[in-house]
Amino acid sequence: MQTLTLKGGVSSARPATPSGLYVLDDSARPVAPRPVRARRAPEVMTHDRAIMRDLVLGAFLGPQFFREDEPARAAEYTTDKTRDAFPARLAADLAAVPTEGGPDGRLPKEYVTSLARGTTRVIASETRKKKASAVPLGPLAFQDAHIVRAVGQLQPGHQAWLRYAYADSKAWDDESGAVVGVWGIYEPRLGKLQAKSLQKAKGLAHLAVQDMKLFVNCARSNYSAGRLCELLGVTDVNYRKHWSARWQGLRDAVLELDSQALEELVRLLKGYDFVLLDRGL
């Protein structure tokens, strides 16, 4: 029989009382609560990777030469500062010049007025875009250069993927380097294959890199199941049985490479104060 205590614990068993009821015992110690372990936050979160992705896009593709105080359009034409009349003082001086042929030895007033209008300097607002600063560097040029240099310090597969996916690099070294990085992640999970199937899997890895570049930037895919069957030269049944899972595994490997590259870049640039600016990318 167990005995309840006032302190919340349970004492050792005792012989049952004649009435069969519980008895109180204040000598037993309460049961110690189980310690709650604090949940450790990840070093690099999804939000950090998203911000770093935007910074990489801006560093490689953002406009470099602009100023926030530059006018967005050309100045409008106005006539506020236009003078179409000759200065009164100069008109009086010309009228005072004697000449032959006039009734009083002076130039006619109408002639002086027409001469004034023909020789008056017209001042108007400039219709062309105002001159910009002569400084060839934008406000984020040093930050962008810092990010580009940091990308060049990453592992070969990581920097190749970032340049190919987010810098829109056309260099074959970047595209092939990204494929090599993805294949290094996926090959241990592939298992044993025949030489012909292994060669098809390598080609499928290249297609996965191209497809995921479009997916991470535009959230769409270019390769349907029917198109992949044509490129692999297999039937629809064979594709659904063997190649569909491999295709999805390669896509997941590309996303894993993307996360690894961005996390490594976040750690490398830790402590740097970035400026986030919408550049319309």
Protein backbone atom coordinates (compact mmCIF):
# COMPACT_ATOMS: atom_id res chain seq x y z
CA MET A 1 0.00 0.00 0.00
CA GLN A 2 1.30 3.54 -0.91
CA THR A 3 1.01 6.50 1.38
CA LEU A 4 0.41 10.06 0.13
CA THR A 5 2.44 12.83 1.71
CA LEU A 6 1.78 16.53 2.20
CA LYS A 7 4.93 17.37 0.21
CA GLY A 8 3.74 15.72 -2.95
CA GLY A 9 5.82 12.56 -2.74
CA VAL A 10 4.98 8.91 -2.24
CA SER A 11 6.32 7.02 0.76
CA SER A 12 7.18 3.35 0.90
CA ALA A 13 4.46 0.78 1.22
CA ARG A 14 2.91 0.24 4.64
CA PRO A 15 0.53 -2.33 5.91
CA ALA A 16 -3.05 -1.53 5.15
CA THR A 17 -5.06 0.11 7.84
CA PRO A 18 -8.17 -1.58 9.14
CA SER A 19 -10.32 0.97 7.34
CA GLY A 20 -8.39 0.49 4.05
CA LEU A 21 -7.81 4.27 3.65
CA TYR A 22 -4.65 6.24 2.83
CA VAL A 23 -2.71 7.76 5.68
CA LEU A 24 -0.69 11.00 5.51
CA ASP A 25 3.06 10.91 6.07
CA ASP A 26 5.04 14.18 6.11
CA SER A 27 8.42 12.50 6.45
CA ALA A 28 8.78 11.50 2.81
CA ARG A 29 10.72 13.74 0.42
CA PRO A 30 9.02 15.13 -2.69
CA VAL A 31 9.99 13.79 -6.08
CA ALA A 32 12.54 16.10 -7.73
CA PRO A 33 11.31 17.58 -11.03
CA ARG A 34 13.06 16.49 -14.18
CA PRO A 35 15.43 19.20 -15.44
CA VAL A 36 14.34 20.88 -18.64
CA ARG A 37 17.07 21.12 -21.23
CA ALA A 38 17.30 24.39 -23.08
CA ARG A 39 16.76 24.04 -26.80
CA ARG A 40 19.84 25.12 -28.67
CA ALA A 41 19.20 27.42 -31.59
CA PRO A 42 20.94 26.55 -34.88
CA GLU A 43 24.04 28.53 -35.72
CA VAL A 44 22.73 29.49 -39.17
CA MET A 45 18.98 29.74 -39.67
CA THR A 46 16.88 29.80 -42.81
CA HIS A 47 16.46 33.56 -42.44
CA ASP A 48 20.24 34.03 -42.50
CA ARG A 49 20.54 32.02 -45.70
CA ALA A 50 17.75 34.00 -47.35
CA ILE A 51 19.44 37.31 -46.52
CA MET A 52 22.80 36.05 -47.74
CA ARG A 53 21.17 34.92 -50.99
CA ASP A 54 19.83 38.44 -51.57
CA LEU A 55 23.23 39.96 -50.79
CA VAL A 56 24.97 37.65 -53.26
CA LEU A 57 22.43 38.52 -55.95
CA GLY A 58 22.95 42.23 -55.33
CA ALA A 59 26.74 41.91 -55.28
CA PHE A 60 26.90 40.20 -58.67
CA LEU A 61 23.86 41.54 -60.52
CA GLY A 62 22.89 44.78 -58.75
CA PRO A 63 23.58 48.17 -60.33
CA GLN A 64 26.94 49.47 -59.19
CA PHE A 65 26.94 53.08 -60.38
CA PHE A 66 24.01 55.01 -58.98
CA ARG A 67 23.28 57.62 -56.38
CA GLU A 68 20.10 58.00 -54.39
CA ASP A 69 20.11 61.77 -54.81
CA GLU A 70 20.25 61.64 -58.62
CA PRO A 71 17.05 62.76 -60.40
CA ALA A 72 14.98 59.94 -61.83
CA ARG A 73 14.02 61.91 -64.95
CA ALA A 74 14.96 65.00 -66.93
CA ALA A 75 14.00 68.43 -65.65
CA GLU A 76 10.78 69.91 -66.98
CA TYR A 77 10.96 72.95 -69.26
CA THR A 78 9.77 76.19 -67.66
CA THR A 79 9.73 79.85 -68.68
CA ASP A 80 10.28 81.24 -65.20
CA LYS A 81 13.74 82.57 -66.06
CA THR A 82 13.07 83.50 -69.69
CA ARG A 83 13.69 87.14 -70.69
CA ASP A 84 12.28 88.21 -74.06
CA ALA A 85 12.71 91.99 -73.49
CA PHE A 86 15.86 94.02 -73.81
CA PRO A 87 17.20 95.51 -70.54
CA ALA A 88 15.74 98.99 -70.03
CA ARG A 89 19.13 100.58 -69.27
CA LEU A 90 20.73 99.22 -72.42
CA ALA A 91 17.72 100.20 -74.52
CA ALA A 92 17.98 103.76 -73.25
CA ASP A 93 21.68 103.86 -74.12
CA LEU A 94 21.02 102.68 -77.66
CA ALA A 95 18.18 105.15 -78.06
CA ALA A 96 20.50 107.98 -77.02
CA VAL A 97 22.97 107.21 -79.82
CA PRO A 98 22.62 109.86 -82.56
CA THR A 99 22.15 108.65 -86.12
CA GLU A 100 21.51 110.18 -89.47
CA GLY A 101 18.07 109.98 -91.01
CA GLY A 102 15.98 110.34 -87.84
CA PRO A 103 13.82 113.33 -87.20
CA ASP A 104 15.55 114.09 -83.90
CA GLY A 105 18.84 112.36 -84.56
CA ARG A 106 17.87 109.21 -82.62
CA LEU A 107 17.02 105.63 -83.60
CA PRO A 108 13.33 104.85 -83.97
CA LYS A 109 11.77 103.20 -80.94
CA GLU A 110 10.39 100.29 -82.98
CA TYR A 111 13.81 99.54 -84.40
CA VAL A 112 15.41 99.59 -80.96
CA THR A 113 12.76 97.19 -79.66
CA SER A 114 13.22 94.74 -82.54
CA LEU A 115 16.97 94.94 -82.15
CA ALA A 116 16.67 94.23 -78.43
CA ARG A 117 14.53 91.18 -79.01
CA GLY A 118 16.93 89.83 -81.61
CA THR A 119 19.99 90.19 -79.42
CA THR A 120 18.57 89.29 -76.00
CA ARG A 121 20.13 86.27 -74.27
CA VAL A 122 17.37 83.76 -73.42
CA ILE A 123 17.80 81.83 -70.16
CA ALA A 124 15.72 78.66 -69.73
CA SER A 125 15.81 75.60 -67.50
CA GLU A 126 17.82 72.65 -68.76
CA THR A 127 15.73 69.93 -70.38
CA ARG A 128 18.44 67.28 -70.30
CA LYS A 129 19.14 65.10 -67.30
CA LYS A 130 21.15 66.90 -64.66
CA LYS A 131 24.78 65.99 -64.35
CA ALA A 132 25.48 63.17 -61.93
CA SER A 133 28.38 62.84 -59.56
CA ALA A 134 31.78 62.15 -61.06
CA VAL A 135 32.48 59.52 -58.41
CA PRO A 136 32.47 56.16 -60.28
CA LEU A 137 31.54 54.09 -57.21
CA GLY A 138 28.06 53.51 -55.86
CA PRO A 139 27.14 53.52 -52.16
CA LEU A 140 27.31 49.70 -51.95
CA ALA A 141 30.38 49.15 -54.10
CA PHE A 142 32.71 48.27 -51.20
CA GLN A 143 30.14 45.92 -49.65
CA ASP A 144 29.58 44.16 -52.97
CA ALA A 145 33.32 43.79 -53.53
CA HIS A 146 33.68 42.33 -50.04
CA ILE A 147 31.00 39.71 -50.77
CA VAL A 148 32.50 38.81 -54.15
CA ARG A 149 35.91 38.27 -52.57
CA ALA A 150 34.34 36.12 -49.84
CA VAL A 151 32.64 33.93 -52.44
CA GLY A 152 36.04 33.32 -54.02
CA GLN A 153 37.31 31.96 -50.70
CA LEU A 154 34.71 29.19 -50.42
CA GLN A 155 35.16 25.56 -51.36
CA PRO A 156 35.35 25.00 -55.14
CA GLY A 157 31.93 23.39 -55.39
CA HIS A 158 30.26 26.04 -53.24
CA GLN A 159 31.68 29.05 -55.04
CA ALA A 160 30.99 27.47 -58.43
CA TRP A 161 27.33 26.96 -57.52
CA LEU A 162 26.88 30.49 -56.14
CA ARG A 163 28.39 32.07 -59.24
CA TYR A 164 26.44 29.82 -61.59
CA ALA A 165 23.08 30.12 -59.79
CA TYR A 166 23.09 33.71 -58.50
CA ALA A 167 25.70 35.53 -60.60
CA ASP A 168 24.32 34.09 -63.86
CA SER A 169 27.83 32.97 -64.79
CA LYS A 170 28.26 31.66 -68.33
CA ALA A 171 31.67 30.15 -67.59
CA TRP A 172 31.85 26.41 -68.10
CA ASP A 173 34.10 26.04 -65.05
CA ASP A 174 31.32 27.33 -62.79
CA GLU A 175 28.64 25.12 -64.32
CA SER A 176 30.76 21.99 -64.31
CA GLY A 177 32.07 22.78 -60.82
CA ALA A 178 28.50 22.93 -59.52
CA VAL A 179 27.78 19.54 -61.12
CA VAL A 180 30.87 18.06 -59.48
CA GLY A 181 29.75 19.43 -56.10
CA VAL A 182 26.26 17.94 -56.45
CA TRP A 183 27.63 14.60 -57.61
CA GLY A 184 29.93 14.45 -54.59
CA ILE A 185 26.87 14.73 -52.32
CA TYR A 186 24.64 12.31 -54.20
CA GLU A 187 27.07 9.57 -55.32
CA PRO A 188 27.39 7.87 -51.87
CA ARG A 189 23.58 7.50 -51.78
CA LEU A 190 23.28 6.08 -55.28
CA GLY A 191 24.43 2.53 -54.69
CA LYS A 192 25.83 0.17 -57.31
CA LEU A 193 24.83 0.72 -60.92
CA GLN A 194 25.86 -0.61 -64.28
CA ALA A 195 28.23 1.52 -66.33
CA LYS A 196 25.48 2.57 -68.74
CA SER A 197 23.10 3.57 -65.94
CA LEU A 198 25.90 5.37 -64.09
CA GLN A 199 26.63 7.48 -67.16
CA LYS A 200 22.94 8.39 -67.42
CA ALA A 201 22.89 9.34 -63.73
CA LYS A 202 25.82 11.73 -64.27
CA GLY A 203 24.00 13.37 -67.14
CA LEU A 204 20.90 13.60 -64.96
CA ALA A 205 22.98 15.42 -62.34
CA HIS A 206 23.86 18.07 -64.92
CA LEU A 207 20.18 18.51 -65.79
CA ALA A 208 19.34 18.79 -62.08
CA VAL A 209 21.83 21.63 -61.63
CA GLN A 210 20.37 23.52 -64.59
CA ASP A 211 16.81 22.89 -63.41
CA MET A 212 17.43 23.94 -59.81
CA LYS A 213 19.09 27.17 -60.89
CA LEU A 214 15.77 28.10 -62.44
CA PHE A 215 13.85 26.78 -59.44
CA VAL A 216 15.72 28.74 -56.74
CA ASN A 217 15.39 31.97 -58.72
CA CYS A 218 11.98 31.63 -60.42
CA ALA A 219 10.30 28.72 -58.57
CA ARG A 220 9.61 26.72 -61.73
CA SER A 221 11.03 23.73 -63.59
CA ASN A 222 11.86 23.09 -67.24
CA TYR A 223 11.98 19.30 -67.19
CA SER A 224 8.80 17.26 -67.01
CA ALA A 225 8.65 13.50 -66.59
CA GLY A 226 8.01 12.99 -70.31
CA ARG A 227 10.95 15.18 -71.28
CA LEU A 228 13.26 13.31 -68.91
CA CYS A 229 12.14 9.99 -70.40
CA GLU A 230 13.17 11.28 -73.83
CA LEU A 231 16.55 12.53 -72.64
CA LEU A 232 17.30 9.33 -70.71
CA GLY A 233 16.02 7.05 -73.45
CA VAL A 234 13.86 4.98 -71.10
CA THR A 235 10.22 4.03 -71.03
CA ASP A 236 7.66 5.65 -68.80
CA VAL A 237 7.43 2.54 -66.62
CA ASN A 238 11.21 2.35 -66.24
CA TYR A 239 11.36 6.04 -65.35
CA ARG A 240 8.70 5.76 -62.66
CA LYS A 241 10.31 2.61 -61.24
CA HIS A 242 13.98 3.63 -61.21
CA TRP A 243 14.70 7.18 -62.35
CA SER A 244 11.98 9.24 -60.69
CA ALA A 245 13.46 8.76 -57.21
CA ARG A 246 16.97 9.43 -58.53
CA TRP A 247 15.82 12.67 -60.13
CA GLN A 248 14.25 13.86 -56.89
CA GLY A 249 17.35 12.80 -54.97
CA LEU A 250 19.54 14.88 -57.27
CA ARG A 251 17.28 17.90 -56.85
CA ASP A 252 17.52 17.50 -53.07
CA ALA A 253 21.30 17.26 -53.38
CA VAL A 254 21.38 20.59 -55.23
CA LEU A 255 19.32 22.22 -52.46
CA GLU A 256 21.70 20.73 -49.91
CA LEU A 257 24.67 22.16 -51.80
CA ASP A 258 22.91 25.54 -51.88
CA SER A 259 22.34 25.50 -48.11
CA GLN A 260 25.93 24.44 -47.42
CA ALA A 261 27.34 27.20 -49.63
CA LEU A 262 25.20 29.92 -48.07
CA GLU A 263 25.93 28.71 -44.54
CA GLU A 264 29.66 28.72 -45.20
CA LEU A 265 29.38 32.25 -46.58
CA VAL A 266 27.40 33.38 -43.51
CA ARG A 267 30.11 32.04 -41.18
CA LEU A 268 32.86 33.63 -43.28
CA LEU A 269 31.16 37.06 -43.22
CA LYS A 270 30.11 36.89 -39.59
CA GLY A 271 30.45 40.25 -37.86
CA TYR A 272 30.27 42.34 -41.04
CA ASP A 273 27.61 45.09 -40.99
CA PHE A 274 25.60 44.76 -44.19
CA VAL A 275 23.26 47.29 -45.76
CA LEU A 276 20.07 45.77 -47.19
CA LEU A 277 18.63 47.69 -50.12
CA ASP A 278 15.94 46.72 -52.60
CA ARG A 279 17.56 46.86 -56.05
CA GLY A 280 14.65 45.39 -57.96
CA LEU A 281 16.27 41.98 -58.50
